[in-house]
PDB file of N, CA and C in Angstrom:
ATOM      1  N   UNK A   1      -7.463  20.381 -18.564  1.00  0.00           N
ATOM      2  CA  UNK A   1      -6.649  19.490 -17.755  1.00  0.00           C
ATOM      3  C   UNK A   1      -7.576  18.628 -16.877  1.00  0.00           C
ATOM      4  N   UNK A   2      -7.358  17.332 -16.902  1.00  0.00           N
ATOM      5  CA  UNK A   2      -8.208  16.401 -16.144  1.00  0.00           C
ATOM      6  C   UNK A   2      -7.838  16.430 -14.660  1.00  0.00           C
ATOM      7  N   UNK A   3      -8.836  16.197 -13.836  1.00  0.00           N
ATOM      8  CA  UNK A   3      -8.621  16.167 -12.380  1.00  0.00           C
ATOM      9  C   UNK A   3      -7.906  14.871 -11.999  1.00  0.00           C
ATOM     10  N   UNK A   4      -7.112  14.939 -10.952  1.00  0.00           N
ATOM     11  CA  UNK A   4      -6.414  13.763 -10.445  1.00  0.00           C
ATOM     12  C   UNK A   4      -7.417  12.906  -9.669  1.00  0.00           C
ATOM     13  N   UNK A   5      -7.650  11.639 -10.105  1.00  0.00           N
ATOM     14  CA  UNK A   5      -8.646  10.812  -9.407  1.00  0.00           C
ATOM     15  C   UNK A   5      -8.269  10.492  -7.960  1.00  0.00           C
ATOM     16  N   UNK A   6      -6.999  10.643  -7.590  1.00  0.00           N
ATOM     17  CA  UNK A   6      -6.583  10.375  -6.220  1.00  0.00           C
ATOM     18  C   UNK A   6      -6.957  11.513  -5.276  1.00  0.00           C
ATOM     19  N   UNK A   7      -7.415  12.617  -5.823  1.00  0.00           N
ATOM     20  CA  UNK A   7      -7.876  13.726  -4.990  1.00  0.00           C
ATOM     21  C   UNK A   7      -9.379  13.698  -4.813  1.00  0.00           C
ATOM     22  N   UNK A   8     -10.040  12.741  -5.446  1.00  0.00           N
ATOM     23  CA  UNK A   8     -11.500  12.699  -5.421  1.00  0.00           C
ATOM     24  C   UNK A   8     -12.062  12.004  -4.196  1.00  0.00           C
ATOM     25  N   UNK A   9     -13.339  12.231  -3.987  1.00  0.00           N
ATOM     26  CA  UNK A   9     -14.045  11.660  -2.844  1.00  0.00           C
ATOM     27  C   UNK A   9     -14.033  10.129  -2.848  1.00  0.00           C
ATOM     28  N   UNK A  10     -14.254   9.443  -3.992  1.00  0.00           N
ATOM     29  CA  UNK A  10     -14.242   7.978  -3.958  1.00  0.00           C
ATOM     30  C   UNK A  10     -12.897   7.401  -3.502  1.00  0.00           C
ATOM     31  N   UNK A  11     -11.806   8.024  -3.914  1.00  0.00           N
ATOM     32  CA  UNK A  11     -10.482   7.537  -3.492  1.00  0.00           C
ATOM     33  C   UNK A  11     -10.262   7.787  -2.005  1.00  0.00           C
ATOM     34  N   UNK A  12     -10.643   8.967  -1.527  1.00  0.00           N
ATOM     35  CA  UNK A  12     -10.508   9.264  -0.096  1.00  0.00           C
ATOM     36  C   UNK A  12     -11.363   8.322   0.735  1.00  0.00           C
ATOM     37  N   UNK A  13     -12.551   7.977   0.239  1.00  0.00           N
ATOM     38  CA  UNK A  13     -13.440   7.044   0.933  1.00  0.00           C
ATOM     39  C   UNK A  13     -12.799   5.656   1.010  1.00  0.00           C
ATOM     40  N   UNK A  14     -12.194   5.201  -0.084  1.00  0.00           N
ATOM     41  CA  UNK A  14     -11.508   3.908  -0.102  1.00  0.00           C
ATOM     42  C   UNK A  14     -10.347   3.900   0.892  1.00  0.00           C
ATOM     43  N   UNK A  15      -9.567   4.975   0.922  1.00  0.00           N
ATOM     44  CA  UNK A  15      -8.445   5.078   1.867  1.00  0.00           C
ATOM     45  C   UNK A  15      -8.954   5.021   3.306  1.00  0.00           C
ATOM     46  N   UNK A  16      -9.999   5.764   3.605  1.00  0.00           N
ATOM     47  CA  UNK A  16     -10.539   5.796   4.969  1.00  0.00           C
ATOM     48  C   UNK A  16     -11.059   4.420   5.375  1.00  0.00           C
ATOM     49  N   UNK A  17     -11.732   3.740   4.451  1.00  0.00           N
ATOM     50  CA  UNK A  17     -12.272   2.422   4.741  1.00  0.00           C
ATOM     51  C   UNK A  17     -11.136   1.426   5.029  1.00  0.00           C
ATOM     52  N   UNK A  18     -10.098   1.463   4.210  1.00  0.00           N
ATOM     53  CA  UNK A  18      -8.966   0.545   4.381  1.00  0.00           C
ATOM     54  C   UNK A  18      -8.211   0.852   5.678  1.00  0.00           C
ATOM     55  N   UNK A  19      -8.028   2.125   5.976  1.00  0.00           N
ATOM     56  CA  UNK A  19      -7.306   2.521   7.186  1.00  0.00           C
ATOM     57  C   UNK A  19      -8.074   2.122   8.445  1.00  0.00           C
ATOM     58  N   UNK A  20      -9.400   2.232   8.409  1.00  0.00           N
ATOM     59  CA  UNK A  20     -10.232   1.844   9.556  1.00  0.00           C
ATOM     60  C   UNK A  20     -10.097   0.366   9.904  1.00  0.00           C
ATOM     61  N   UNK A  21      -9.772  -0.469   8.941  1.00  0.00           N
ATOM     62  CA  UNK A  21      -9.620  -1.898   9.195  1.00  0.00           C
ATOM     63  C   UNK A  21      -8.474  -2.177  10.167  1.00  0.00           C
ATOM     64  N   UNK A  22      -7.486  -1.268  10.214  1.00  0.00           N
ATOM     65  CA  UNK A  22      -6.377  -1.418  11.152  1.00  0.00           C
ATOM     66  C   UNK A  22      -5.491  -2.620  10.868  1.00  0.00           C
ATOM     67  N   UNK A  23      -5.389  -2.986   9.606  1.00  0.00           N
ATOM     68  CA  UNK A  23      -4.588  -4.153   9.233  1.00  0.00           C
ATOM     69  C   UNK A  23      -3.090  -3.833   9.256  1.00  0.00           C
ATOM     70  N   UNK A  24      -2.254  -4.848   9.460  1.00  0.00           N
ATOM     71  CA  UNK A  24      -0.808  -4.624   9.387  1.00  0.00           C
ATOM     72  C   UNK A  24      -0.377  -4.421   7.937  1.00  0.00           C
ATOM     73  N   UNK A  25       0.841  -4.023   7.758  1.00  0.00           N
ATOM     74  CA  UNK A  25       1.408  -3.846   6.418  1.00  0.00           C
ATOM     75  C   UNK A  25       1.392  -5.193   5.701  1.00  0.00           C
ATOM     76  N   UNK A  26       0.822  -5.236   4.525  1.00  0.00           N
ATOM     77  CA  UNK A  26       0.713  -6.499   3.800  1.00  0.00           C
ATOM     78  C   UNK A  26       2.057  -6.921   3.211  1.00  0.00           C
ATOM     79  N   UNK A  27       3.035  -6.029   3.216  1.00  0.00           N
ATOM     80  CA  UNK A  27       4.338  -6.365   2.659  1.00  0.00           C
ATOM     81  C   UNK A  27       5.315  -6.894   3.702  1.00  0.00           C
ATOM     82  N   UNK A  28       5.336  -6.282   4.891  1.00  0.00           N
ATOM     83  CA  UNK A  28       6.292  -6.725   5.920  1.00  0.00           C
ATOM     84  C   UNK A  28       5.620  -7.414   7.101  1.00  0.00           C
ATOM     85  N   UNK A  29       4.305  -7.235   7.247  1.00  0.00           N
ATOM     86  CA  UNK A  29       3.571  -7.892   8.317  1.00  0.00           C
ATOM     87  C   UNK A  29       3.566  -7.166   9.650  1.00  0.00           C
ATOM     88  N   UNK A  30       4.250  -6.035   9.756  1.00  0.00           N
ATOM     89  CA  UNK A  30       4.287  -5.288  11.012  1.00  0.00           C
ATOM     90  C   UNK A  30       3.112  -4.315  11.103  1.00  0.00           C
ATOM     91  N   UNK A  31       2.742  -3.981  12.335  1.00  0.00           N
ATOM     92  CA  UNK A  31       1.653  -3.032  12.557  1.00  0.00           C
ATOM     93  C   UNK A  31       2.020  -1.648  12.033  1.00  0.00           C
ATOM     94  N   UNK A  32       0.992  -0.880  11.698  1.00  0.00           N
ATOM     95  CA  UNK A  32       1.163   0.485  11.200  1.00  0.00           C
ATOM     96  C   UNK A  32       0.566   1.438  12.222  1.00  0.00           C
ATOM     97  N   UNK A  33       1.352   2.394  12.693  1.00  0.00           N
ATOM     98  CA  UNK A  33       0.894   3.382  13.674  1.00  0.00           C
ATOM     99  C   UNK A  33       0.077   4.455  12.947  1.00  0.00           C
ATOM    100  N   UNK A  34      -1.238   4.528  13.194  1.00  0.00           N
ATOM    101  CA  UNK A  34      -2.075   5.497  12.479  1.00  0.00           C
ATOM    102  C   UNK A  34      -1.846   6.943  12.900  1.00  0.00           C
ATOM    103  N   UNK A  35      -1.104   7.171  13.990  1.00  0.00           N
ATOM    104  CA  UNK A  35      -0.897   8.538  14.467  1.00  0.00           C
ATOM    105  C   UNK A  35       0.330   9.201  13.852  1.00  0.00           C
ATOM    106  N   UNK A  36       1.119   8.476  13.074  1.00  0.00           N
ATOM    107  CA  UNK A  36       2.336   9.049  12.493  1.00  0.00           C
ATOM    108  C   UNK A  36       2.011  10.092  11.431  1.00  0.00           C
ATOM    109  N   UNK A  37       2.901  11.050  11.283  1.00  0.00           N
ATOM    110  CA  UNK A  37       2.792  12.055  10.238  1.00  0.00           C
ATOM    111  C   UNK A  37       2.792  11.333   8.885  1.00  0.00           C
ATOM    112  N   UNK A  38       1.939  11.726   7.953  1.00  0.00           N
ATOM    113  CA  UNK A  38       1.871  11.029   6.658  1.00  0.00           C
ATOM    114  C   UNK A  38       3.187  10.999   5.884  1.00  0.00           C
ATOM    115  N   UNK A  39       4.113  11.890   6.206  1.00  0.00           N
ATOM    116  CA  UNK A  39       5.411  11.894   5.515  1.00  0.00           C
ATOM    117  C   UNK A  39       6.413  10.944   6.144  1.00  0.00           C
ATOM    118  N   UNK A  40       6.095  10.389   7.300  1.00  0.00           N
ATOM    119  CA  UNK A  40       6.987   9.455   7.982  1.00  0.00           C
ATOM    120  C   UNK A  40       7.099   8.166   7.174  1.00  0.00           C
ATOM    121  N   UNK A  41       8.312   7.585   7.054  1.00  0.00           N
ATOM    122  CA  UNK A  41       8.471   6.353   6.276  1.00  0.00           C
ATOM    123  C   UNK A  41       7.637   5.182   6.800  1.00  0.00           C
ATOM    124  N   UNK A  42       7.276   5.193   8.077  1.00  0.00           N
ATOM    125  CA  UNK A  42       6.519   4.089   8.662  1.00  0.00           C
ATOM    126  C   UNK A  42       5.033   4.407   8.777  1.00  0.00           C
ATOM    127  N   UNK A  43       4.577   5.499   8.138  1.00  0.00           N
ATOM    128  CA  UNK A  43       3.164   5.874   8.188  1.00  0.00           C
ATOM    129  C   UNK A  43       2.343   5.003   7.225  1.00  0.00           C
ATOM    130  N   UNK A  44       1.029   5.098   7.362  1.00  0.00           N
ATOM    131  CA  UNK A  44       0.102   4.312   6.557  1.00  0.00           C
ATOM    132  C   UNK A  44      -0.027   4.868   5.151  1.00  0.00           C
ATOM    133  N   UNK A  45      -0.047   3.974   4.152  1.00  0.00           N
ATOM    134  CA  UNK A  45      -0.393   4.353   2.782  1.00  0.00           C
ATOM    135  C   UNK A  45      -1.272   3.266   2.193  1.00  0.00           C
ATOM    136  N   UNK A  46      -2.012   3.629   1.175  1.00  0.00           N
ATOM    137  CA  UNK A  46      -2.806   2.656   0.430  1.00  0.00           C
ATOM    138  C   UNK A  46      -1.933   2.111  -0.693  1.00  0.00           C
ATOM    139  N   UNK A  47      -1.786   0.817  -0.739  1.00  0.00           N
ATOM    140  CA  UNK A  47      -1.034   0.162  -1.807  1.00  0.00           C
ATOM    141  C   UNK A  47      -2.017  -0.637  -2.642  1.00  0.00           C
ATOM    142  N   UNK A  48      -1.667  -0.878  -3.877  1.00  0.00           N
ATOM    143  CA  UNK A  48      -2.501  -1.677  -4.769  1.00  0.00           C
ATOM    144  C   UNK A  48      -1.785  -2.990  -5.045  1.00  0.00           C
ATOM    145  N   UNK A  49      -2.453  -4.122  -4.800  1.00  0.00           N
ATOM    146  CA  UNK A  49      -1.865  -5.437  -5.012  1.00  0.00           C
ATOM    147  C   UNK A  49      -1.410  -5.582  -6.466  1.00  0.00           C
ATOM    148  N   UNK A  50      -2.247  -5.172  -7.392  1.00  0.00           N
ATOM    149  CA  UNK A  50      -1.861  -5.101  -8.800  1.00  0.00           C
ATOM    150  C   UNK A  50      -1.624  -3.619  -9.078  1.00  0.00           C
ATOM    151  N   UNK A  51      -0.362  -3.233  -9.285  1.00  0.00           N
ATOM    152  CA  UNK A  51      -0.062  -1.809  -9.485  1.00  0.00           C
ATOM    153  C   UNK A  51      -0.876  -1.200 -10.626  1.00  0.00           C
ATOM    154  N   UNK A  52      -1.190   0.071 -10.483  1.00  0.00           N
ATOM    155  CA  UNK A  52      -1.979   0.770 -11.493  1.00  0.00           C
ATOM    156  C   UNK A  52      -1.301   0.727 -12.856  1.00  0.00           C
ATOM    157  N   UNK A  53       0.030   0.788 -12.864  1.00  0.00           N
ATOM    158  CA  UNK A  53       0.765   0.760 -14.126  1.00  0.00           C
ATOM    159  C   UNK A  53       0.735  -0.621 -14.779  1.00  0.00           C
ATOM    160  N   UNK A  54       0.274  -1.628 -14.039  1.00  0.00           N
ATOM    161  CA  UNK A  54       0.170  -2.994 -14.564  1.00  0.00           C
ATOM    162  C   UNK A  54      -1.282  -3.403 -14.792  1.00  0.00           C
ATOM    163  N   UNK A  55      -2.183  -2.433 -14.759  1.00  0.00           N
ATOM    164  CA  UNK A  55      -3.584  -2.719 -15.048  1.00  0.00           C
ATOM    165  C   UNK A  55      -4.496  -2.790 -13.836  1.00  0.00           C
ATOM    166  N   UNK A  56      -3.958  -2.554 -12.629  1.00  0.00           N
ATOM    167  CA  UNK A  56      -4.793  -2.556 -11.431  1.00  0.00           C
ATOM    168  C   UNK A  56      -5.756  -1.383 -11.447  1.00  0.00           C
ATOM    169  N   UNK A  57      -6.889  -1.563 -10.800  1.00  0.00           N
ATOM    170  CA  UNK A  57      -7.894  -0.515 -10.776  1.00  0.00           C
ATOM    171  C   UNK A  57      -7.753   0.317  -9.511  1.00  0.00           C
ATOM    172  N   UNK A  58      -7.791   1.627  -9.670  1.00  0.00           N
ATOM    173  CA  UNK A  58      -7.581   2.576  -8.583  1.00  0.00           C
ATOM    174  C   UNK A  58      -8.606   2.440  -7.470  1.00  0.00           C
ATOM    175  N   UNK A  59      -9.864   2.273  -7.798  1.00  0.00           N
ATOM    176  CA  UNK A  59     -10.927   2.295  -6.798  1.00  0.00           C
ATOM    177  C   UNK A  59     -11.467   0.905  -6.449  1.00  0.00           C
ATOM    178  N   UNK A  60     -10.776  -0.136  -6.843  1.00  0.00           N
ATOM    179  CA  UNK A  60     -11.225  -1.501  -6.560  1.00  0.00           C
ATOM    180  C   UNK A  60     -10.824  -1.892  -5.135  1.00  0.00           C
ATOM    181  N   UNK A  61     -11.795  -2.090  -4.231  1.00  0.00           N
ATOM    182  CA  UNK A  61     -11.453  -2.423  -2.842  1.00  0.00           C
ATOM    183  C   UNK A  61     -10.705  -3.754  -2.709  1.00  0.00           C
ATOM    184  N   UNK A  62     -10.898  -4.673  -3.662  1.00  0.00           N
ATOM    185  CA  UNK A  62     -10.182  -5.952  -3.584  1.00  0.00           C
ATOM    186  C   UNK A  62      -8.724  -5.804  -3.992  1.00  0.00           C
ATOM    187  N   UNK A  63      -8.361  -4.661  -4.567  1.00  0.00           N
ATOM    188  CA  UNK A  63      -6.984  -4.395  -4.965  1.00  0.00           C
ATOM    189  C   UNK A  63      -6.271  -3.517  -3.937  1.00  0.00           C
ATOM    190  N   UNK A  64      -6.998  -3.028  -2.938  1.00  0.00           N
ATOM    191  CA  UNK A  64      -6.449  -2.095  -1.942  1.00  0.00           C
ATOM    192  C   UNK A  64      -5.811  -2.852  -0.785  1.00  0.00           C
ATOM    193  N   UNK A  65      -4.642  -2.407  -0.357  1.00  0.00           N
ATOM    194  CA  UNK A  65      -3.922  -3.008   0.761  1.00  0.00           C
ATOM    195  C   UNK A  65      -3.322  -1.911   1.632  1.00  0.00           C
ATOM    196  N   UNK A  66      -3.204  -2.187   2.928  1.00  0.00           N
ATOM    197  CA  UNK A  66      -2.526  -1.274   3.853  1.00  0.00           C
ATOM    198  C   UNK A  66      -1.034  -1.564   3.805  1.00  0.00           C
ATOM    199  N   UNK A  67      -0.235  -0.505   3.774  1.00  0.00           N
ATOM    200  CA  UNK A  67       1.216  -0.679   3.733  1.00  0.00           C
ATOM    201  C   UNK A  67       1.910   0.511   4.382  1.00  0.00           C
ATOM    202  N   UNK A  68       3.127   0.269   4.865  1.00  0.00           N
ATOM    203  CA  UNK A  68       3.980   1.382   5.297  1.00  0.00           C
ATOM    204  C   UNK A  68       4.409   2.147   4.052  1.00  0.00           C
ATOM    205  N   UNK A  69       4.581   3.435   4.180  1.00  0.00           N
ATOM    206  CA  UNK A  69       5.059   4.240   3.047  1.00  0.00           C
ATOM    207  C   UNK A  69       6.379   3.675   2.521  1.00  0.00           C
ATOM    208  N   UNK A  70       7.267   3.304   3.427  1.00  0.00           N
ATOM    209  CA  UNK A  70       8.578   2.784   3.043  1.00  0.00           C
ATOM    210  C   UNK A  70       8.458   1.469   2.255  1.00  0.00           C
ATOM    211  N   UNK A  71       7.618   0.552   2.740  1.00  0.00           N
ATOM    212  CA  UNK A  71       7.436  -0.746   2.077  1.00  0.00           C
ATOM    213  C   UNK A  71       6.795  -0.561   0.702  1.00  0.00           C
ATOM    214  N   UNK A  72       5.811   0.325   0.622  1.00  0.00           N
ATOM    215  CA  UNK A  72       5.114   0.599  -0.626  1.00  0.00           C
ATOM    216  C   UNK A  72       6.091   1.161  -1.662  1.00  0.00           C
ATOM    217  N   UNK A  73       6.931   2.094  -1.248  1.00  0.00           N
ATOM    218  CA  UNK A  73       7.892   2.701  -2.172  1.00  0.00           C
ATOM    219  C   UNK A  73       8.948   1.695  -2.626  1.00  0.00           C
ATOM    220  N   UNK A  74       9.393   0.855  -1.702  1.00  0.00           N
ATOM    221  CA  UNK A  74      10.421  -0.132  -2.046  1.00  0.00           C
ATOM    222  C   UNK A  74       9.894  -1.155  -3.046  1.00  0.00           C
ATOM    223  N   UNK A  75       8.634  -1.484  -2.952  1.00  0.00           N
ATOM    224  CA  UNK A  75       8.041  -2.475  -3.860  1.00  0.00           C
ATOM    225  C   UNK A  75       7.917  -1.931  -5.271  1.00  0.00           C
ATOM    226  N   UNK A  76       7.663  -0.627  -5.385  1.00  0.00           N
ATOM    227  CA  UNK A  76       7.511  -0.037  -6.710  1.00  0.00           C
ATOM    228  C   UNK A  76       6.303  -0.595  -7.430  1.00  0.00           C
ATOM    229  N   UNK A  77       6.465  -0.945  -8.708  1.00  0.00           N
ATOM    230  CA  UNK A  77       5.337  -1.480  -9.460  1.00  0.00           C
ATOM    231  C   UNK A  77       5.496  -2.970  -9.749  1.00  0.00           C
ATOM    232  N   UNK A  78       6.273  -3.654  -8.919  1.00  0.00           N
ATOM    233  CA  UNK A  78       6.437  -5.096  -9.096  1.00  0.00           C
ATOM    234  C   UNK A  78       5.189  -5.830  -8.628  1.00  0.00           C
ATOM    235  N   UNK A  79       4.893  -6.937  -9.287  1.00  0.00           N
ATOM    236  CA  UNK A  79       3.720  -7.735  -8.930  1.00  0.00           C
ATOM    237  C   UNK A  79       3.994  -8.657  -7.755  1.00  0.00           C
ATOM    238  N   UNK A  80       5.221  -9.100  -7.614  1.00  0.00           N
ATOM    239  CA  UNK A  80       5.543 -10.033  -6.536  1.00  0.00           C
ATOM    240  C   UNK A  80       6.451  -9.368  -5.527  1.00  0.00           C
ATOM    241  N   UNK A  81       6.461  -9.928  -4.346  1.00  0.00           N
ATOM    242  CA  UNK A  81       7.296  -9.421  -3.272  1.00  0.00           C
ATOM    243  C   UNK A  81       8.551 -10.275  -3.217  1.00  0.00           C
ATOM    244  N   UNK A  82       9.750  -9.674  -3.286  1.00  0.00           N
ATOM    245  CA  UNK A  82      10.959 -10.487  -3.192  1.00  0.00           C
ATOM    246  C   UNK A  82      11.026 -11.216  -1.855  1.00  0.00           C
ATOM    247  N   UNK A  83      11.273 -12.488  -1.899  1.00  0.00           N
ATOM    248  CA  UNK A  83      11.378 -13.293  -0.691  1.00  0.00           C
ATOM    249  C   UNK A  83      12.832 -13.363  -0.246  1.00  0.00           C
ATOM    250  N   UNK A  84      13.079 -13.381   1.073  1.00  0.00           N
ATOM    251  CA  UNK A  84      14.452 -13.500   1.536  1.00  0.00           C
ATOM    252  C   UNK A  84      15.044 -14.835   1.065  1.00  0.00           C
ATOM    253  N   UNK A  85      16.280 -14.778   0.663  1.00  0.00           N
ATOM    254  CA  UNK A  85      16.945 -15.989   0.185  1.00  0.00           C
ATOM    255  C   UNK A  85      17.440 -16.812   1.364  1.00  0.00           C
ATOM    256  N   UNK A  86      17.257 -18.101   1.274  1.00  0.00           N
ATOM    257  CA  UNK A  86      17.735 -19.010   2.329  1.00  0.00           C
ATOM    258  C   UNK A  86      19.242 -19.214   2.176  1.00  0.00           C
ATOM    259  N   UNK A  87      19.872 -19.384   3.274  1.00  0.00           N
ATOM    260  CA  UNK A  87      21.301 -19.658   3.260  1.00  0.00           C
ATOM    261  C   UNK A  87      21.558 -21.047   2.685  1.00  0.00           C
ATOM    262  N   UNK A  88      22.589 -21.176   1.905  1.00  0.00           N
ATOM    263  CA  UNK A  88      22.917 -22.485   1.344  1.00  0.00           C
ATOM    264  C   UNK A  88      23.815 -23.261   2.295  1.00  0.00           C
ATOM    265  N   UNK A  89      24.345 -22.570   3.317  1.00  0.00           N
ATOM    266  CA  UNK A  89      25.197 -23.261   4.292  1.00  0.00           C
ATOM    267  C   UNK A  89      24.324 -23.727   5.446  1.00  0.00           C
ATOM    268  N   UNK A  90      24.351 -25.049   5.772  1.00  0.00           N
ATOM    269  CA  UNK A  90      23.491 -25.609   6.792  1.00  0.00           C
ATOM    270  C   UNK A  90      24.307 -26.130   7.868  1.00  0.00           C
TER     271      UNK A  90
END
């Protein structure tokens, strides 16, 4: 049975490096509280701009983004972020 690459040192190093940057969530733009429990919906997670299931590379720092757990889960494996629709009534 192969080891999970997300449990390895290179992945943990990438996560630590991205988290240290202190960037806001790339999906919603709000700040991420680094002190939250990792299971909290608003906690920090590493997201991949190009999802792994779409050919993104796991350890590529240019593919790594900071995101809220909730925002990351809602996006799923889509490549684009749904934009809010403008009202047609002016």
